[in-house]
Amino acid sequence: FGKYSREDNTLVMAFKSGSLAIKILSRNSNFSKTSVEGGPPPEQDIPLNIPKKTKLYVEQTQREKDHCVDMHRIFQRDLC
């Protein structure tokens, strides 16, 4: 880690295979500690309003389960 050519913040990695990787950090990078705590955002604890399953939805999913092979064949045929 250090200076490579004109760039000050670079990481040059040489691998066993002989390949070379160069990673350049942004000149505006700021590595000072902040007071932001890690972890999930507080919005994650708020429950979502999910609507109930309707009768039409339940019937449609049952129809798809019953005729899944036929539906897949028709889909594959339509792709050609």
N, C-alpha and C. Protein backbone atom coordinates (compact mmCIF):
# COMPACT_ATOMS: atom_id res chain seq x y z
N PHE A 1 0.84 -1.17 0.00
CA PHE A 1 0.00 0.00 0.00
C PHE A 1 0.89 1.23 0.00
N GLY A 2 0.61 2.16 -0.86
CA GLY A 2 1.43 3.37 -0.91
C GLY A 2 1.27 4.07 -2.24
N LYS A 3 2.35 4.71 -2.69
CA LYS A 3 2.31 5.50 -3.92
C LYS A 3 2.68 4.62 -5.10
N TYR A 4 1.89 4.72 -6.17
CA TYR A 4 2.16 4.02 -7.41
C TYR A 4 1.94 5.02 -8.52
N SER A 5 2.98 5.33 -9.26
CA SER A 5 2.95 6.34 -10.31
C SER A 5 2.53 7.67 -9.69
N ARG A 6 1.47 8.30 -10.20
CA ARG A 6 1.05 9.59 -9.65
C ARG A 6 0.00 9.46 -8.56
N GLU A 7 -0.49 8.25 -8.34
CA GLU A 7 -1.53 8.04 -7.34
C GLU A 7 -0.91 7.73 -5.98
N ASP A 8 -1.42 8.41 -4.94
CA ASP A 8 -0.86 8.24 -3.61
C ASP A 8 -1.40 7.01 -2.89
N ASN A 9 -2.67 6.71 -3.01
CA ASN A 9 -3.29 5.63 -2.24
C ASN A 9 -3.61 4.45 -3.14
N THR A 10 -2.64 3.58 -3.34
CA THR A 10 -2.85 2.41 -4.19
C THR A 10 -2.42 1.15 -3.46
N LEU A 11 -3.04 0.04 -3.84
CA LEU A 11 -2.69 -1.26 -3.32
C LEU A 11 -2.35 -2.14 -4.53
N VAL A 12 -1.11 -2.62 -4.58
CA VAL A 12 -0.66 -3.46 -5.68
C VAL A 12 -0.51 -4.88 -5.15
N MET A 13 -1.18 -5.83 -5.81
CA MET A 13 -1.13 -7.23 -5.38
C MET A 13 -0.56 -8.08 -6.51
N ALA A 14 0.43 -8.91 -6.17
CA ALA A 14 1.00 -9.86 -7.12
C ALA A 14 0.60 -11.26 -6.66
N PHE A 15 0.05 -12.06 -7.58
CA PHE A 15 -0.44 -13.38 -7.26
C PHE A 15 0.55 -14.45 -7.71
N LYS A 16 0.38 -15.66 -7.19
CA LYS A 16 1.26 -16.78 -7.54
C LYS A 16 1.25 -17.07 -9.03
N SER A 17 0.10 -16.85 -9.66
CA SER A 17 -0.03 -17.14 -11.08
C SER A 17 0.73 -16.14 -11.95
N GLY A 18 1.23 -15.07 -11.34
CA GLY A 18 1.96 -14.05 -12.09
C GLY A 18 1.10 -12.85 -12.46
N SER A 19 -0.17 -12.91 -12.14
CA SER A 19 -1.03 -11.78 -12.46
C SER A 19 -0.83 -10.66 -11.44
N LEU A 20 -1.19 -9.48 -11.85
CA LEU A 20 -0.99 -8.28 -11.04
C LEU A 20 -2.31 -7.54 -10.94
N ALA A 21 -2.69 -7.14 -9.73
CA ALA A 21 -3.92 -6.39 -9.52
C ALA A 21 -3.57 -5.08 -8.82
N ILE A 22 -4.13 -4.00 -9.33
CA ILE A 22 -3.87 -2.68 -8.75
C ILE A 22 -5.21 -2.06 -8.36
N LYS A 23 -5.35 -1.72 -7.11
CA LYS A 23 -6.56 -1.08 -6.58
C LYS A 23 -6.19 0.34 -6.19
N ILE A 24 -6.95 1.31 -6.68
CA ILE A 24 -6.67 2.72 -6.40
C ILE A 24 -7.82 3.29 -5.59
N LEU A 25 -7.51 3.87 -4.42
CA LEU A 25 -8.52 4.51 -3.59
C LEU A 25 -8.81 5.91 -4.11
N SER A 26 -10.01 6.36 -3.85
CA SER A 26 -10.40 7.71 -4.25
C SER A 26 -9.56 8.74 -3.50
N ARG A 27 -9.27 9.83 -4.15
CA ARG A 27 -8.49 10.89 -3.49
C ARG A 27 -9.29 11.56 -2.38
N ASN A 28 -10.59 11.45 -2.43
CA ASN A 28 -11.44 12.09 -1.43
C ASN A 28 -11.81 11.16 -0.29
N SER A 29 -11.16 10.00 -0.17
CA SER A 29 -11.49 9.04 0.87
C SER A 29 -11.23 9.63 2.24
N ASN A 30 -12.16 9.35 3.16
CA ASN A 30 -12.05 9.85 4.51
C ASN A 30 -12.11 8.65 5.45
N PHE A 31 -11.02 8.40 6.18
CA PHE A 31 -10.94 7.24 7.05
C PHE A 31 -11.12 7.60 8.52
N SER A 32 -11.63 8.78 8.80
CA SER A 32 -11.83 9.16 10.20
C SER A 32 -13.04 8.42 10.76
N LYS A 33 -13.01 8.14 12.06
CA LYS A 33 -14.09 7.40 12.69
C LYS A 33 -15.33 8.28 12.77
N THR A 34 -16.46 7.65 12.57
CA THR A 34 -17.74 8.36 12.67
C THR A 34 -18.54 7.74 13.80
N SER A 35 -19.59 8.43 14.19
CA SER A 35 -20.43 7.94 15.28
C SER A 35 -21.55 7.03 14.80
N VAL A 36 -21.55 6.70 13.54
CA VAL A 36 -22.60 5.83 12.98
C VAL A 36 -22.35 4.40 13.44
N GLU A 37 -23.37 3.80 14.01
CA GLU A 37 -23.27 2.42 14.47
C GLU A 37 -23.68 1.47 13.36
N GLY A 38 -23.05 0.31 13.31
CA GLY A 38 -23.39 -0.68 12.30
C GLY A 38 -24.65 -1.43 12.67
N GLY A 39 -25.04 -2.30 11.81
CA GLY A 39 -26.23 -3.11 12.07
C GLY A 39 -27.39 -2.72 11.19
N PRO A 40 -28.50 -3.38 11.38
CA PRO A 40 -29.66 -3.11 10.54
C PRO A 40 -30.28 -1.75 10.86
N PRO A 41 -30.93 -1.15 9.88
CA PRO A 41 -31.57 0.14 10.12
C PRO A 41 -32.78 -0.02 11.03
N PRO A 42 -33.16 1.04 11.75
CA PRO A 42 -34.31 0.93 12.66
C PRO A 42 -35.63 0.66 11.94
N GLU A 43 -35.72 1.00 10.65
CA GLU A 43 -36.96 0.74 9.90
C GLU A 43 -37.24 -0.74 9.76
N GLN A 44 -36.24 -1.57 9.97
CA GLN A 44 -36.41 -3.01 9.81
C GLN A 44 -37.34 -3.59 10.88
N ASP A 45 -37.48 -2.93 12.01
CA ASP A 45 -38.31 -3.44 13.09
C ASP A 45 -39.79 -3.09 12.93
N ILE A 46 -40.13 -2.24 11.96
CA ILE A 46 -41.52 -1.83 11.75
C ILE A 46 -42.21 -2.89 10.89
N PRO A 47 -43.30 -3.50 11.36
CA PRO A 47 -43.98 -4.53 10.57
C PRO A 47 -44.67 -3.92 9.34
N LEU A 48 -44.70 -4.69 8.26
CA LEU A 48 -45.34 -4.24 7.03
C LEU A 48 -46.80 -4.67 7.02
N ASN A 49 -47.64 -3.87 6.41
CA ASN A 49 -49.05 -4.21 6.25
C ASN A 49 -49.19 -5.07 4.99
N ILE A 50 -49.28 -6.38 5.17
CA ILE A 50 -49.39 -7.30 4.06
C ILE A 50 -50.85 -7.72 3.94
N PRO A 51 -51.44 -7.54 2.75
CA PRO A 51 -52.86 -7.89 2.60
C PRO A 51 -53.08 -9.39 2.69
N LYS A 52 -54.28 -9.78 3.07
CA LYS A 52 -54.64 -11.19 3.17
C LYS A 52 -54.71 -11.81 1.78
N LYS A 53 -54.52 -13.11 1.71
CA LYS A 53 -54.62 -13.81 0.43
C LYS A 53 -56.10 -13.88 0.03
N THR A 54 -56.38 -13.46 -1.19
CA THR A 54 -57.76 -13.50 -1.67
C THR A 54 -58.10 -14.89 -2.20
N LYS A 55 -59.38 -15.12 -2.36
CA LYS A 55 -59.83 -16.41 -2.87
C LYS A 55 -59.33 -16.62 -4.30
N LEU A 56 -59.30 -15.55 -5.10
CA LEU A 56 -58.82 -15.64 -6.47
C LEU A 56 -57.34 -16.04 -6.49
N TYR A 57 -56.53 -15.47 -5.60
CA TYR A 57 -55.11 -15.81 -5.52
C TYR A 57 -54.92 -17.28 -5.16
N VAL A 58 -55.66 -17.76 -4.18
CA VAL A 58 -55.55 -19.15 -3.75
C VAL A 58 -55.95 -20.09 -4.88
N GLU A 59 -57.03 -19.77 -5.61
CA GLU A 59 -57.46 -20.61 -6.72
C GLU A 59 -56.43 -20.62 -7.84
N GLN A 60 -55.83 -19.47 -8.12
CA GLN A 60 -54.84 -19.37 -9.19
C GLN A 60 -53.59 -20.20 -8.85
N THR A 61 -53.12 -20.11 -7.61
CA THR A 61 -51.94 -20.89 -7.22
C THR A 61 -52.23 -22.38 -7.25
N GLN A 62 -53.43 -22.77 -6.86
CA GLN A 62 -53.79 -24.19 -6.92
C GLN A 62 -53.83 -24.67 -8.37
N ARG A 63 -54.37 -23.85 -9.27
CA ARG A 63 -54.42 -24.20 -10.69
C ARG A 63 -53.00 -24.35 -11.25
N GLU A 64 -52.09 -23.46 -10.84
CA GLU A 64 -50.70 -23.55 -11.32
C GLU A 64 -50.02 -24.81 -10.78
N LYS A 65 -50.32 -25.19 -9.54
CA LYS A 65 -49.74 -26.41 -8.98
C LYS A 65 -50.26 -27.65 -9.73
N ASP A 66 -51.56 -27.64 -10.05
CA ASP A 66 -52.16 -28.80 -10.70
C ASP A 66 -51.69 -28.96 -12.15
N HIS A 67 -51.44 -27.86 -12.84
CA HIS A 67 -51.11 -27.91 -14.27
C HIS A 67 -49.70 -27.39 -14.54
N CYS A 68 -48.78 -27.59 -13.61
CA CYS A 68 -47.44 -27.02 -13.76
C CYS A 68 -46.68 -27.59 -14.96
N VAL A 69 -46.80 -28.88 -15.21
CA VAL A 69 -46.06 -29.50 -16.33
C VAL A 69 -46.57 -28.97 -17.66
N ASP A 70 -47.88 -28.90 -17.82
CA ASP A 70 -48.46 -28.39 -19.06
C ASP A 70 -48.10 -26.93 -19.28
N MET A 71 -48.16 -26.15 -18.22
CA MET A 71 -47.83 -24.72 -18.34
C MET A 71 -46.37 -24.54 -18.75
N HIS A 72 -45.48 -25.37 -18.21
CA HIS A 72 -44.07 -25.26 -18.55
C HIS A 72 -43.83 -25.65 -20.01
N ARG A 73 -44.49 -26.70 -20.46
CA ARG A 73 -44.35 -27.13 -21.86
C ARG A 73 -44.82 -26.03 -22.81
N ILE A 74 -45.95 -25.42 -22.51
CA ILE A 74 -46.47 -24.35 -23.36
C ILE A 74 -45.51 -23.16 -23.35
N PHE A 75 -44.97 -22.84 -22.22
CA PHE A 75 -44.01 -21.74 -22.13
C PHE A 75 -42.77 -22.03 -22.97
N GLN A 76 -42.24 -23.26 -22.86
CA GLN A 76 -41.06 -23.63 -23.64
C GLN A 76 -41.35 -23.62 -25.13
N ARG A 77 -42.54 -24.08 -25.51
CA ARG A 77 -42.91 -24.10 -26.92
C ARG A 77 -43.03 -22.68 -27.46
N ASP A 78 -43.57 -21.76 -26.68
CA ASP A 78 -43.74 -20.38 -27.13
C ASP A 78 -42.41 -19.65 -27.27
N LEU A 79 -41.37 -20.13 -26.59
CA LEU A 79 -40.07 -19.48 -26.71
C LEU A 79 -39.43 -19.73 -28.08
N CYS A 80 -39.77 -20.87 -28.68
CA CYS A 80 -39.16 -21.23 -29.97
C CYS A 80 -39.76 -20.48 -31.12
